[in-house]
Protein backbone atom coordinates (compact mmCIF):
# COMPACT_ATOMS: atom_id res chain seq x y z
CA MET A 1 -5.72 -8.56 -6.32
CA THR A 2 -2.93 -10.29 -8.21
CA LYS A 3 -0.26 -11.99 -6.11
CA PHE A 4 3.39 -12.25 -7.09
CA PHE A 5 3.30 -16.05 -7.47
CA ASP A 6 -0.27 -16.46 -8.73
CA ASN A 7 -0.61 -19.55 -11.00
CA ILE A 8 2.90 -20.76 -10.11
CA ASP A 9 3.23 -23.97 -8.09
CA SER A 10 5.44 -24.15 -5.00
CA LYS A 11 8.20 -26.17 -6.71
CA ASN A 12 8.68 -23.64 -9.49
CA LYS A 13 8.23 -20.73 -7.10
CA TYR A 14 11.27 -21.83 -5.11
CA LYS A 15 13.22 -22.61 -8.27
CA LEU A 16 12.67 -19.05 -9.46
CA LEU A 17 13.58 -17.59 -6.05
CA ARG A 18 16.85 -19.54 -6.09
CA SER A 19 17.58 -18.26 -9.59
CA PHE A 20 17.02 -14.69 -8.37
CA LYS A 21 19.30 -15.30 -5.33
CA ALA A 22 16.41 -14.24 -3.09
CA ASP A 23 16.92 -13.59 0.63
CA THR A 24 14.27 -13.91 3.34
CA HIS A 25 14.06 -11.38 6.18
CA ASN A 26 11.84 -11.54 9.28
CA PHE A 27 11.04 -8.45 11.33
CA LYS A 28 9.20 -7.62 14.50
CA GLU A 29 6.60 -4.88 14.83
CA ASN A 30 7.85 -1.28 14.59
CA GLU A 31 11.18 -2.05 12.94
CA ASP A 32 12.77 0.36 10.49
CA ILE A 33 13.49 -1.63 7.31
CA THR A 34 14.33 1.27 5.01
CA ASN A 35 17.98 0.40 4.38
CA ILE A 36 17.19 -3.24 3.61
CA VAL A 37 14.27 -2.65 1.26
CA PHE A 38 15.34 0.57 -0.42
CA GLU A 39 18.77 -0.65 -1.41
CA ARG A 40 19.54 0.26 -4.99
CA ASN A 41 17.97 -2.05 -7.56
CA VAL A 42 16.18 -4.27 -5.02
CA ILE A 43 12.65 -5.68 -5.28
CA ALA A 44 11.11 -6.62 -1.94
CA LEU A 45 8.10 -8.94 -1.83
CA LEU A 46 5.97 -8.51 1.27
CA VAL A 47 5.11 -12.14 2.08
CA SER A 48 3.23 -11.46 5.32
CA GLY A 49 2.58 -8.57 7.67
CA SER A 50 2.33 -4.90 6.73
CA VAL A 51 4.56 -1.86 6.38
CA ASN A 52 3.98 1.89 6.45
CA LEU A 53 5.83 4.11 4.00
CA ILE A 54 6.31 7.32 5.94
CA ARG A 55 7.45 10.75 4.86
CA ASN A 56 9.03 13.18 7.28
CA ASN A 57 8.01 16.63 6.04
CA GLU A 58 9.79 19.95 6.46
CA ASN A 59 8.02 20.53 9.80
CA GLY A 60 9.37 17.28 11.21
CA ASN A 61 5.93 15.63 11.21
CA ASP A 62 5.39 12.04 10.07
CA PHE A 63 2.98 11.45 7.22
CA VAL A 64 1.93 7.93 6.15
CA LEU A 65 2.21 7.98 2.37
CA ASP A 66 1.25 4.35 1.85
CA LYS A 67 0.18 1.33 3.91
CA ILE A 68 1.65 -1.72 2.17
CA GLU A 69 -0.07 -5.06 2.76
CA GLU A 70 1.06 -8.62 2.09
CA ASN A 71 1.62 -9.82 -1.51
CA ASN A 72 2.68 -6.32 -2.51
CA ILE A 73 6.00 -5.20 -3.93
CA ILE A 74 8.20 -2.55 -2.36
CA SER A 75 11.04 -1.11 -4.43
CA ASP A 76 12.77 2.13 -5.32
CA VAL A 77 11.87 1.08 -8.87
CA ILE A 78 8.23 1.81 -7.93
CA TYR A 79 8.71 4.56 -5.35
CA THR A 80 11.03 7.19 -6.81
CA ILE A 81 11.97 8.74 -3.49
CA ASN A 82 14.86 10.14 -1.49
CA LYS A 83 15.67 7.84 1.44
CA ASP A 84 16.60 10.89 3.51
CA ASP A 85 12.94 12.00 3.51
CA TYR A 86 11.14 8.64 3.63
CA TYR A 87 11.34 5.52 5.71
CA LEU A 88 9.61 2.15 6.08
CA ILE A 89 8.27 0.87 9.42
CA THR A 90 6.70 -2.54 10.04
CA THR A 91 3.30 -2.37 11.74
CA GLU A 92 3.32 -6.03 12.82
CA GLU A 93 5.51 -9.12 12.50
CA THR A 94 6.54 -9.11 8.86
CA GLU A 95 8.33 -11.39 6.39
CA ILE A 96 9.96 -9.95 3.30
CA VAL A 97 11.81 -11.61 0.42
CA THR A 98 14.35 -9.43 -1.40
CA MET A 99 15.60 -9.96 -4.93
CA ASN A 100 17.83 -8.02 -7.28
CA TYR A 101 15.71 -6.27 -9.91
CA SER A 102 18.27 -7.00 -12.66
CA ASP A 103 18.30 -10.72 -11.77
CA VAL A 104 14.51 -10.83 -12.13
CA ILE A 105 14.25 -8.83 -15.36
CA ASN A 106 17.29 -10.37 -17.06
CA TYR A 107 16.55 -13.99 -16.14
CA ARG A 108 17.69 -16.33 -18.93
CA GLY A 109 16.58 -19.65 -17.46
CA LYS A 110 14.15 -22.11 -18.99
CA ASN A 111 11.42 -22.00 -16.33
CA LYS A 112 8.13 -21.81 -18.22
CA TYR A 113 6.50 -19.96 -15.32
CA TYR A 114 8.82 -16.97 -15.60
CA PRO A 115 6.56 -15.05 -18.06
CA ILE A 116 3.66 -15.59 -15.64
CA LEU A 117 5.70 -14.10 -12.79
CA ILE A 118 6.64 -11.05 -14.87
CA ARG A 119 2.99 -10.53 -15.80
CA ASN A 120 2.00 -10.81 -12.14
CA MET A 121 4.68 -8.30 -11.16
CA PHE A 122 3.48 -5.71 -13.65
CA ASP A 123 -0.16 -6.31 -12.71
CA ILE A 124 0.78 -5.47 -9.12
CA ILE A 125 2.69 -2.36 -10.21
CA ASN A 126 -0.27 -1.28 -12.36
CA SER A 127 -2.67 -1.74 -9.43
CA LYS A 128 -0.35 0.31 -7.24
CA ALA A 129 -0.31 3.10 -9.85
CA LYS A 130 -4.13 3.15 -9.90
CA LEU A 131 -4.25 3.45 -6.11
CA PHE A 132 -1.82 6.36 -6.21
CA ASN A 133 -3.95 8.08 -8.86
CA GLU A 134 -7.00 7.64 -6.61
CA ARG A 135 -5.14 9.24 -3.74
CA ILE A 136 -3.91 12.12 -5.88
CA ASN A 137 -7.54 12.76 -6.88
CA ILE A 138 -8.52 12.90 -3.20
CA MET A 139 -5.55 15.01 -2.09
CA ALA A 140 -6.28 17.54 -4.83
CA ARG A 141 -9.66 18.39 -3.28
CA ARG A 142 -9.90 21.48 -1.09
CA GLY A 143 -11.25 21.08 2.42
CA ILE A 144 -11.64 18.03 4.63
CA ARG A 145 -15.29 17.46 3.70
CA ASN A 146 -14.52 17.35 -0.01
CA LYS A 147 -11.63 14.95 0.62
CA LEU A 148 -13.89 12.67 2.67
CA LEU A 149 -16.67 12.73 0.07
CA ALA A 150 -14.18 11.98 -2.71
CA PHE A 151 -12.86 9.03 -0.69
CA PHE A 152 -16.40 7.75 -0.04
CA GLU A 153 -17.26 8.06 -3.74
CA ILE A 154 -14.25 5.96 -4.77
CA GLN A 155 -15.12 3.25 -2.23
CA PHE A 156 -18.79 3.31 -3.30
CA LYS A 157 -17.85 2.75 -6.96
CA LYS A 158 -15.40 -0.01 -6.09
CA ASN A 159 -17.84 -1.99 -3.98
CA ASN A 160 -21.15 -0.91 -5.54
CA SER A 161 -22.48 -0.58 -2.01
CA ARG A 162 -23.49 2.23 0.32
CA ASN A 163 -21.69 0.36 3.10
CA ILE A 164 -17.99 1.15 3.25
CA TYR A 165 -15.66 -0.88 5.45
CA LEU A 166 -12.57 1.15 6.27
CA PRO A 167 -9.34 -0.75 5.56
CA PHE A 168 -7.46 1.23 8.21
CA THR A 169 -7.83 3.06 11.53
CA PHE A 170 -9.13 6.64 11.72
CA THR A 171 -5.59 7.83 12.42
CA GLU A 172 -4.36 6.07 9.27
CA MET A 173 -7.34 7.44 7.36
CA ALA A 174 -6.40 11.00 8.38
CA ASP A 175 -2.85 10.31 7.18
CA TYR A 176 -4.21 8.91 3.92
CA LEU A 177 -6.29 12.05 3.36
CA GLY A 178 -3.46 14.31 4.47
CA VAL A 179 -5.52 16.03 7.17
CA ASP A 180 -5.46 16.49 10.94
CA ARG A 181 -7.18 13.59 12.72
CA SER A 182 -9.12 15.81 15.16
CA ALA A 183 -10.35 18.05 12.35
CA MET A 184 -11.35 14.98 10.32
CA THR A 185 -13.25 13.55 13.30
CA ARG A 186 -15.16 16.82 13.69
CA GLU A 187 -16.06 16.82 10.00
CA MET A 188 -17.20 13.20 10.21
CA LYS A 189 -19.47 14.17 13.12
CA LEU A 190 -20.93 17.03 11.09
CA LEU A 191 -21.60 14.65 8.18
CA LYS A 192 -23.39 12.33 10.61
CA ASP A 193 -25.42 15.15 12.19
CA GLU A 194 -26.43 16.44 8.76
CA GLY A 195 -27.62 12.99 7.69
CA PHE A 196 -24.93 12.28 5.07
CA ILE A 197 -23.48 9.21 6.76
CA LYS A 198 -23.97 6.71 9.58
CA THR A 199 -21.02 5.04 11.29
CA THR A 200 -20.79 1.72 13.11
CA GLY A 201 -17.20 0.98 14.08
CA LYS A 202 -15.24 0.85 10.83
CA ARG A 203 -18.42 0.61 8.73
CA ILE A 204 -19.65 3.82 7.14
CA THR A 205 -23.08 3.85 5.48
CA LEU A 206 -23.63 6.53 2.84
CA LEU A 207 -27.14 7.85 3.43
CA TYR A 208 -27.03 10.28 0.52
CA LYS A 209 -26.72 7.49 -2.06
């Protein structure tokens, strides 16, 4: 996956950050960073750690909309959301660099690496859009089994392997699929009993492929 400063050396990286008036923020696990990251017109670069984007639905239940890993961008430019309904929580010690979107886009300096940075930024945004489209495809399926099979199919095509290594916990997977964890666990057991899959920790082997 493309990183924000791919193909940019450290010297020019810090030159660009100074030009963008970037600020560095360090957080502990389980800190709410919504008001810092979702300020108007701010781009936040997740340098290290991870963050959950959570929606609080009408029933008052939390729903993890996105798990954001390092080298990703967080911004209201990407997530068109209402801060009253969504919030961001760190899941471990996390470092974030914030920049003003206008300063980045309207940069008029002479740094030859600036076009590379802009290309990297839009590559990241494009990758994020593809991931959201994948999730929409899964969420549109009816029934937990169909959601699971759609998820497995996407992972199979990505890795060209019957062995899928889950990038998150089963609780996070249930959130990702938008289903109840207990119901998902029961459906996974049925898929195992019926010979569709085999599980070993976070590895799932697709026996029907």
